[in-house]
Amino acid sequence: MKKTIQRFSVEYKRVLDEKGNIDQKLMPKISKEIIRFFYEKMVLSRRFDERAIKLQRQGRLGTYASVLGQEASQIGSALAMSRDDLAFPSYRESGVFIARGMPLHLLFSYWAGDERGMHTPKGVNVFPLSITVGVHPPHAVGAAMAFKYKKKKAATIVYFGDGATSKGDFHEAMNIAGTFKAPVVFLCQNNQYAISVPVKQQTAAETIAQKAIAYGFEGVQVDGNDVFGVYKATQDALNKARRGKGPTLIECFTYRRNDHTTSDDASKYRKPSEVTPWEEKDPLLRLQKYMKKNKIYSTDWDADVIKKADTLVNKAMVQAEAMPNKKPEEIIDHMFETLTPALKEQRTQLKEEAKRHGS
């Protein structure tokens, strides 16, 4: 006997195209003020990103992971969250922190090597950055299960890149989430490269989104440079999660236009001709075209948005560099809530070493 048990499909969603046109049937119900707010947050994210790279080149920040080209994926998804929702970022989510209201000076402080920068203020509801690739999805599922057990109408959202989908932690998290209908949204920013490895070498699957099928829940692919599309897909997924209908995997199909980090040289593994077409798909430019067509944009207003963003970024850097220096041994204090005996010993050793060197 031979029979078909089940058939599956993966939807591709796009609301705003590269020319600034929208699909009216898919367009979320948002006001002109909210659209301007989207644009303002995307501009702030980009200006922060540009300044961070310059500061790293000056030796004032450590290694930094650029957001350029992925602003729509980050701002669109983060602004779809409710106040009580909780985000779990990887190392490239500066835009998510900015959209959730993280003070910019703390972000600068973190990238300068100060762990105090990840002490997120109450109400921001973003976990610290996860530098290690793909290890944090289980944390997001655990928090989601806690929401479920406590009957809290909230969900979690976890961010990762295409490379993280090759990690066992990702698959374990997906399996648990699907089995227990955890209120979690998995958001993969498929920017086409895991450092120097192209996505075609990560998986034989046509999409990242279809990986959800194996775990019993929905996977969708959305144009990651379309802020309206990302917002709508994330909003739908979060609402579904809060209603107890389980998780969703969203694949934001986008592109990493800068180097993987400031310690990388992307010219070693990709040609400029590959990057150029994505410049024309720029998420900010696309939104700008829509706003012009709908008369909610002016050059004077845009100049004011950029000026305000630069002012915020400048003040934040001054504030970050004015933070009082910490003692060398205090780096140990951020490892665990309660230090282990081994860490206490290391802390003492650091303190004594610093004293010998006059630190």
Protein backbone atom coordinates (compact mmCIF):
# COMPACT_ATOMS: atom_id res chain seq x y z
CA MET A 1 0.00 0.00 0.00
CA LYS A 2 1.14 3.53 -0.76
CA LYS A 3 -0.55 6.71 0.36
CA THR A 4 0.22 10.38 1.02
CA ILE A 5 0.08 11.07 4.75
CA GLN A 6 0.50 14.82 4.61
CA ARG A 7 1.49 17.62 2.26
CA PHE A 8 3.25 20.81 3.28
CA SER A 9 3.92 24.24 1.85
CA VAL A 10 5.81 27.36 2.89
CA GLU A 11 4.31 30.80 2.32
CA TYR A 12 6.38 33.75 1.16
CA LYS A 13 5.10 37.12 2.35
CA ARG A 14 5.88 40.63 1.17
CA VAL A 15 3.84 43.77 1.73
CA LEU A 16 6.21 46.52 0.52
CA ASP A 17 8.16 46.02 -2.71
CA GLU A 18 11.41 47.65 -3.80
CA LYS A 19 9.61 50.46 -5.62
CA GLY A 20 7.63 51.51 -2.57
CA ASN A 21 4.36 49.86 -3.58
CA ILE A 22 2.27 47.85 -1.11
CA ASP A 23 -0.10 44.92 -1.24
CA GLN A 24 -3.24 46.48 0.24
CA LYS A 25 -4.64 43.10 1.31
CA LEU A 26 -1.58 42.34 3.45
CA MET A 27 -0.81 45.84 4.74
CA PRO A 28 -1.12 45.97 8.54
CA LYS A 29 -3.39 48.61 10.05
CA ILE A 30 -0.91 51.25 11.20
CA SER A 31 -1.15 55.02 11.29
CA LYS A 32 1.08 57.52 9.51
CA GLU A 33 2.61 58.38 12.89
CA ILE A 34 3.60 54.74 13.46
CA ILE A 35 5.10 54.54 9.96
CA ARG A 36 7.20 57.62 10.74
CA PHE A 37 8.19 55.96 14.02
CA PHE A 38 9.36 52.88 12.09
CA TYR A 39 11.50 55.12 9.90
CA GLU A 40 12.92 57.05 12.85
CA LYS A 41 13.97 53.87 14.65
CA MET A 42 15.54 52.47 11.48
CA VAL A 43 17.50 55.70 10.97
CA LEU A 44 18.65 55.68 14.60
CA SER A 45 19.75 52.06 14.24
CA ARG A 46 21.76 52.88 11.12
CA ARG A 47 23.40 55.99 12.58
CA PHE A 48 24.33 54.02 15.70
CA ASP A 49 25.75 51.29 13.48
CA GLU A 50 27.82 53.71 11.41
CA ARG A 51 29.22 55.38 14.52
CA ALA A 52 30.03 52.05 16.18
CA ILE A 53 32.12 50.98 13.19
CA LYS A 54 34.05 54.27 13.20
CA LEU A 55 34.68 54.03 16.93
CA GLN A 56 35.93 50.48 16.56
CA ARG A 57 38.38 51.61 13.89
CA GLN A 58 39.59 54.28 16.33
CA GLY A 59 40.20 51.65 19.00
CA ARG A 60 37.40 52.95 21.23
CA LEU A 61 35.18 49.87 20.83
CA GLY A 62 35.96 46.18 20.53
CA THR A 63 34.86 43.86 17.73
CA TYR A 64 31.41 44.93 16.51
CA ALA A 65 28.75 43.16 14.40
CA SER A 66 27.08 45.50 11.88
CA VAL A 67 23.32 45.66 11.31
CA LEU A 68 23.49 47.36 7.88
CA GLY A 69 20.80 46.01 5.56
CA GLN A 70 18.91 44.18 8.32
CA GLU A 71 17.14 47.14 9.95
CA ALA A 72 13.69 46.14 8.67
CA SER A 73 14.02 42.62 10.08
CA GLN A 74 15.00 43.93 13.49
CA ILE A 75 12.90 47.07 13.88
CA GLY A 76 9.82 45.56 12.24
CA SER A 77 9.84 42.50 14.48
CA ALA A 78 10.77 44.28 17.71
CA LEU A 79 8.03 46.88 17.32
CA ALA A 80 5.47 44.09 16.92
CA MET A 81 6.18 42.95 20.48
CA SER A 82 4.04 43.90 23.45
CA ARG A 83 5.56 45.37 26.59
CA ASP A 84 5.49 42.01 28.42
CA ASP A 85 7.04 40.00 25.58
CA LEU A 86 10.66 39.01 26.02
CA ALA A 87 13.38 39.07 23.34
CA PHE A 88 16.44 36.82 23.18
CA PRO A 89 19.00 38.35 20.79
CA SER A 90 22.15 37.00 19.20
CA TYR A 91 25.16 39.30 18.71
CA ARG A 92 23.81 41.32 15.74
CA GLU A 93 20.61 42.71 17.27
CA SER A 94 21.53 46.31 18.08
CA GLY A 95 18.38 47.35 16.20
CA VAL A 96 16.22 45.18 18.48
CA PHE A 97 17.69 46.79 21.58
CA ILE A 98 17.14 50.25 20.09
CA ALA A 99 13.54 49.48 19.15
CA ARG A 100 12.84 48.17 22.67
CA GLY A 101 14.17 51.36 24.27
CA MET A 102 17.64 50.31 25.43
CA PRO A 103 19.73 53.37 26.41
CA LEU A 104 22.31 53.82 23.66
CA HIS A 105 25.17 54.52 26.05
CA LEU A 106 24.76 51.02 27.49
CA LEU A 107 25.09 49.48 24.02
CA PHE A 108 28.26 51.47 23.37
CA SER A 109 29.55 50.50 26.79
CA TYR A 110 28.99 46.80 26.11
CA TRP A 111 30.78 46.89 22.76
CA ALA A 112 33.65 48.65 24.52
CA GLY A 113 34.00 45.56 26.70
CA ASP A 114 32.03 46.62 29.76
CA GLU A 115 29.51 44.00 30.89
CA ARG A 116 27.49 46.69 32.67
CA GLY A 117 26.21 47.55 29.21
CA MET A 118 24.02 44.45 29.26
CA HIS A 119 22.29 45.37 32.51
CA THR A 120 19.05 46.19 30.73
CA PRO A 121 16.74 48.61 32.57
CA LYS A 122 13.37 47.43 33.83
CA GLY A 123 10.78 47.38 31.06
CA VAL A 124 13.21 46.96 28.16
CA ASN A 125 12.66 43.16 28.31
CA VAL A 126 15.62 42.04 26.22
CA PHE A 127 18.04 39.37 27.42
CA PRO A 128 21.79 40.04 27.09
CA LEU A 129 23.41 39.44 23.71
CA SER A 130 24.41 35.85 22.98
CA ILE A 131 27.84 35.84 21.36
CA THR A 132 28.03 32.04 21.08
CA VAL A 133 26.17 30.99 17.92
CA GLY A 134 22.84 29.23 18.37
CA VAL A 135 22.93 28.41 22.08
CA HIS A 136 20.12 30.74 23.22
CA PRO A 137 16.96 29.30 21.52
CA PRO A 138 16.51 26.82 24.40
CA HIS A 139 16.56 29.77 26.83
CA ALA A 140 13.77 31.47 24.87
CA VAL A 141 11.71 28.27 24.91
CA GLY A 142 12.27 27.89 28.66
CA ALA A 143 11.06 31.41 29.33
CA ALA A 144 8.08 30.82 27.03
CA MET A 145 7.17 27.68 28.99
CA ALA A 146 7.38 29.72 32.20
CA PHE A 147 4.89 32.21 30.71
CA LYS A 148 2.63 29.29 29.83
CA TYR A 149 2.76 27.70 33.28
CA LYS A 150 2.07 31.05 34.92
CA LYS A 151 -0.79 31.69 32.44
CA LYS A 152 0.80 34.97 31.48
CA LYS A 153 -0.41 36.47 28.17
CA ALA A 154 3.10 37.01 26.86
CA ALA A 155 5.48 35.38 24.40
CA THR A 156 9.17 35.22 23.70
CA ILE A 157 11.00 35.87 20.45
CA VAL A 158 14.47 34.56 19.71
CA TYR A 159 16.77 35.98 17.02
CA PHE A 160 19.48 34.04 15.20
CA GLY A 161 21.14 33.77 11.80
CA ASP A 162 21.10 31.05 9.15
CA GLY A 163 24.28 29.55 10.57
CA ALA A 164 22.60 28.88 13.92
CA THR A 165 20.14 26.51 12.23
CA SER A 166 23.01 24.04 11.86
CA LYS A 167 23.42 23.85 15.64
CA GLY A 168 21.85 21.11 17.74
CA ASP A 169 20.53 23.64 20.28
CA PHE A 170 18.31 25.15 17.58
CA HIS A 171 16.72 21.79 16.73
CA GLU A 172 16.27 20.81 20.37
CA ALA A 173 14.54 24.12 21.07
CA MET A 174 12.28 23.72 18.04
CA ASN A 175 11.34 20.18 19.06
CA ILE A 176 10.46 21.13 22.64
CA ALA A 177 8.54 24.22 21.49
CA GLY A 178 6.50 22.24 19.00
CA THR A 179 5.77 19.37 21.38
CA PHE A 180 4.58 21.61 24.22
CA LYS A 181 3.13 24.45 22.12
CA ALA A 182 5.42 26.97 23.76
CA PRO A 183 4.50 30.63 23.13
CA VAL A 184 7.71 31.44 21.27
CA VAL A 185 8.59 32.93 17.90
CA PHE A 186 11.82 31.78 16.23
CA LEU A 187 13.09 34.59 13.99
CA CYS A 188 15.91 33.67 11.62
CA GLN A 189 17.58 36.58 9.87
CA ASN A 190 18.79 34.69 6.83
CA ASN A 191 21.43 37.16 5.69
CA GLN A 192 22.96 34.60 3.32
CA TYR A 193 26.22 34.05 5.22
CA ALA A 194 27.35 32.44 8.47
CA ILE A 195 30.64 34.36 8.60
CA SER A 196 32.16 33.15 5.30
CA VAL A 197 29.91 30.14 4.72
CA PRO A 198 27.01 30.77 2.28
CA VAL A 199 23.57 29.49 3.17
CA LYS A 200 23.66 26.93 0.34
CA GLN A 201 26.42 25.19 2.31
CA GLN A 202 24.39 25.33 5.54
CA THR A 203 21.41 23.34 4.30
CA ALA A 204 20.04 21.47 1.29
CA ALA A 205 16.56 22.78 2.14
CA GLU A 206 14.99 25.33 -0.22
CA THR A 207 14.11 27.52 2.75
CA ILE A 208 14.99 27.87 6.42
CA ALA A 209 11.28 28.27 7.15
CA GLN A 210 10.45 24.69 6.15
CA LYS A 211 12.51 23.35 9.06
CA ALA A 212 9.51 24.10 11.28
CA ILE A 213 7.47 21.44 9.48
CA ALA A 214 9.52 18.63 11.03
CA TYR A 215 8.62 19.92 14.49
CA GLY A 216 4.89 20.27 13.91
CA PHE A 217 4.37 23.99 13.54
CA GLU A 218 4.23 26.74 10.94
CA GLY A 219 7.21 28.21 9.14
CA VAL A 220 6.93 31.29 6.92
CA GLN A 221 9.39 33.21 4.81
CA VAL A 222 9.08 36.99 4.65
CA ASP A 223 10.99 39.63 2.68
CA GLY A 224 13.40 40.71 5.40
CA ASN A 225 13.91 44.15 3.84
CA ASP A 226 10.18 44.92 4.04
CA VAL A 227 9.47 46.47 7.45
CA PHE A 228 5.69 46.15 6.99
CA GLY A 229 5.93 42.49 6.02
CA VAL A 230 8.19 41.64 8.95
CA TYR A 231 5.97 43.58 11.35
CA LYS A 232 2.81 41.81 10.13
CA ALA A 233 4.37 38.32 10.17
CA THR A 234 5.77 38.84 13.67
CA GLN A 235 2.56 40.38 14.98
CA ASP A 236 0.54 37.41 13.69
CA ALA A 237 3.00 34.91 15.15
CA LEU A 238 3.10 36.60 18.56
CA ASN A 239 -0.69 36.86 18.73
CA LYS A 240 -0.97 33.18 17.88
CA ALA A 241 1.59 32.29 20.55
CA ARG A 242 -0.22 34.30 23.23
CA ARG A 243 -3.49 32.54 22.36
CA GLY A 244 -1.89 29.19 23.14
CA LYS A 245 -1.62 28.10 19.50
CA GLY A 246 2.08 27.37 19.66
CA PRO A 247 5.29 28.59 18.01
CA THR A 248 6.15 29.93 14.56
CA LEU A 249 9.43 30.04 12.67
CA ILE A 250 9.85 33.24 10.63
CA GLU A 251 12.63 33.35 8.07
CA CYS A 252 13.49 36.95 7.20
CA PHE A 253 15.18 36.72 3.81
CA THR A 254 17.70 39.56 3.88
CA TYR A 255 21.40 40.27 3.32
CA ARG A 256 24.41 41.22 5.44
CA ARG A 257 25.93 44.10 3.48
CA ASN A 258 28.91 44.74 5.75
CA ASP A 259 31.59 42.35 6.92
CA HIS A 260 30.50 39.68 9.39
CA THR A 261 32.14 41.74 12.13
CA THR A 262 34.80 44.44 12.18
CA SER A 263 37.41 41.65 12.47
CA ASP A 264 36.23 40.09 9.18
CA ASP A 265 37.05 40.86 5.53
CA ALA A 266 34.10 39.79 3.38
CA SER A 267 36.00 40.54 0.16
CA LYS A 268 37.86 37.26 0.75
CA TYR A 269 34.74 35.20 0.08
CA ARG A 270 32.25 37.30 -1.91
CA LYS A 271 32.46 39.69 -4.84
CA PRO A 272 31.27 43.34 -4.81
CA SER A 273 28.93 42.46 -7.68
CA GLU A 274 27.00 40.25 -5.27
CA VAL A 275 26.50 43.05 -2.77
CA THR A 276 25.47 45.80 -5.22
CA PRO A 277 21.96 44.48 -6.04
CA TRP A 278 21.15 44.39 -2.33
CA GLU A 279 22.00 48.08 -2.00
CA GLU A 280 19.04 48.76 -4.28
CA LYS A 281 16.86 46.66 -1.94
CA ASP A 282 17.86 48.78 1.04
CA PRO A 283 15.09 48.66 3.69
CA LEU A 284 15.34 52.35 4.54
CA LEU A 285 15.26 53.42 0.89
CA ARG A 286 12.25 51.18 0.27
CA LEU A 287 10.29 52.67 3.16
CA GLN A 288 11.30 56.16 2.07
CA LYS A 289 9.86 55.55 -1.41
CA TYR A 290 6.56 54.45 0.09
CA MET A 291 6.43 57.49 2.37
CA LYS A 292 7.11 59.86 -0.53
CA LYS A 293 4.32 58.30 -2.59
CA ASN A 294 1.91 58.67 0.31
CA LYS A 295 2.99 62.20 1.22
CA ILE A 296 4.21 61.40 4.70
CA TYR A 297 7.83 62.29 3.97
CA SER A 298 9.76 65.49 3.30
CA THR A 299 13.47 66.19 2.96
CA ASP A 300 13.31 68.70 5.84
CA TRP A 301 11.67 66.15 8.11
CA ASP A 302 14.22 63.50 7.12
CA ALA A 303 17.09 65.89 7.81
CA ASP A 304 15.60 66.56 11.26
CA VAL A 305 15.28 62.80 11.93
CA ILE A 306 18.95 62.30 11.06
CA LYS A 307 20.02 65.28 13.16
CA LYS A 308 18.11 64.00 16.20
CA ALA A 309 19.56 60.51 15.73
CA ASP A 310 23.10 61.88 15.51
CA THR A 311 22.53 63.97 18.64
CA LEU A 312 21.37 60.90 20.56
CA VAL A 313 24.31 58.84 19.32
CA ASN A 314 26.84 61.57 20.16
CA LYS A 315 25.48 62.05 23.68
CA ALA A 316 25.41 58.30 24.23
CA MET A 317 29.07 57.87 23.34
CA VAL A 318 30.10 60.70 25.64
CA GLN A 319 28.04 59.15 28.44
CA ALA A 320 29.48 55.68 27.81
CA GLU A 321 33.07 56.90 27.95
CA ALA A 322 32.32 58.89 31.12
CA MET A 323 31.23 55.78 33.04
CA PRO A 324 33.58 55.18 36.00
CA ASN A 325 36.19 52.49 35.42
CA LYS A 326 35.64 49.10 36.99
CA LYS A 327 38.30 47.14 38.79
CA PRO A 328 39.76 44.21 36.76
CA GLU A 329 38.50 41.54 39.17
CA GLU A 330 34.90 42.74 38.79
CA ILE A 331 34.69 41.11 35.36
CA ILE A 332 34.15 37.85 37.27
CA ASP A 333 31.05 39.26 38.97
CA HIS A 334 29.03 38.98 35.75
CA MET A 335 29.52 35.24 35.27
CA PHE A 336 26.82 33.94 37.64
CA GLU A 337 24.44 35.36 40.22
CA THR A 338 26.35 33.42 42.89
CA LEU A 339 30.03 32.84 42.22
CA THR A 340 31.38 29.30 42.27
CA PRO A 341 34.43 28.48 44.43
CA ALA A 342 36.62 28.40 41.31
CA LEU A 343 35.41 31.83 40.21
CA LYS A 344 35.95 33.26 43.69
CA GLU A 345 39.54 32.01 43.52
CA GLN A 346 40.01 33.57 40.08
CA ARG A 347 38.57 36.84 41.33
CA THR A 348 41.04 36.93 44.21
CA GLN A 349 43.91 36.19 41.83
CA LEU A 350 42.86 38.99 39.50
CA LYS A 351 42.59 41.41 42.37
CA GLU A 352 46.09 40.54 43.63
CA GLU A 353 47.55 40.73 40.12
CA ALA A 354 45.98 44.14 39.54
CA LYS A 355 47.35 45.36 42.86
CA ARG A 356 50.86 44.26 41.89
CA HIS A 357 50.59 46.20 38.62
CA GLY A 358 49.01 49.23 40.22
CA SER A 359 45.64 48.88 38.47
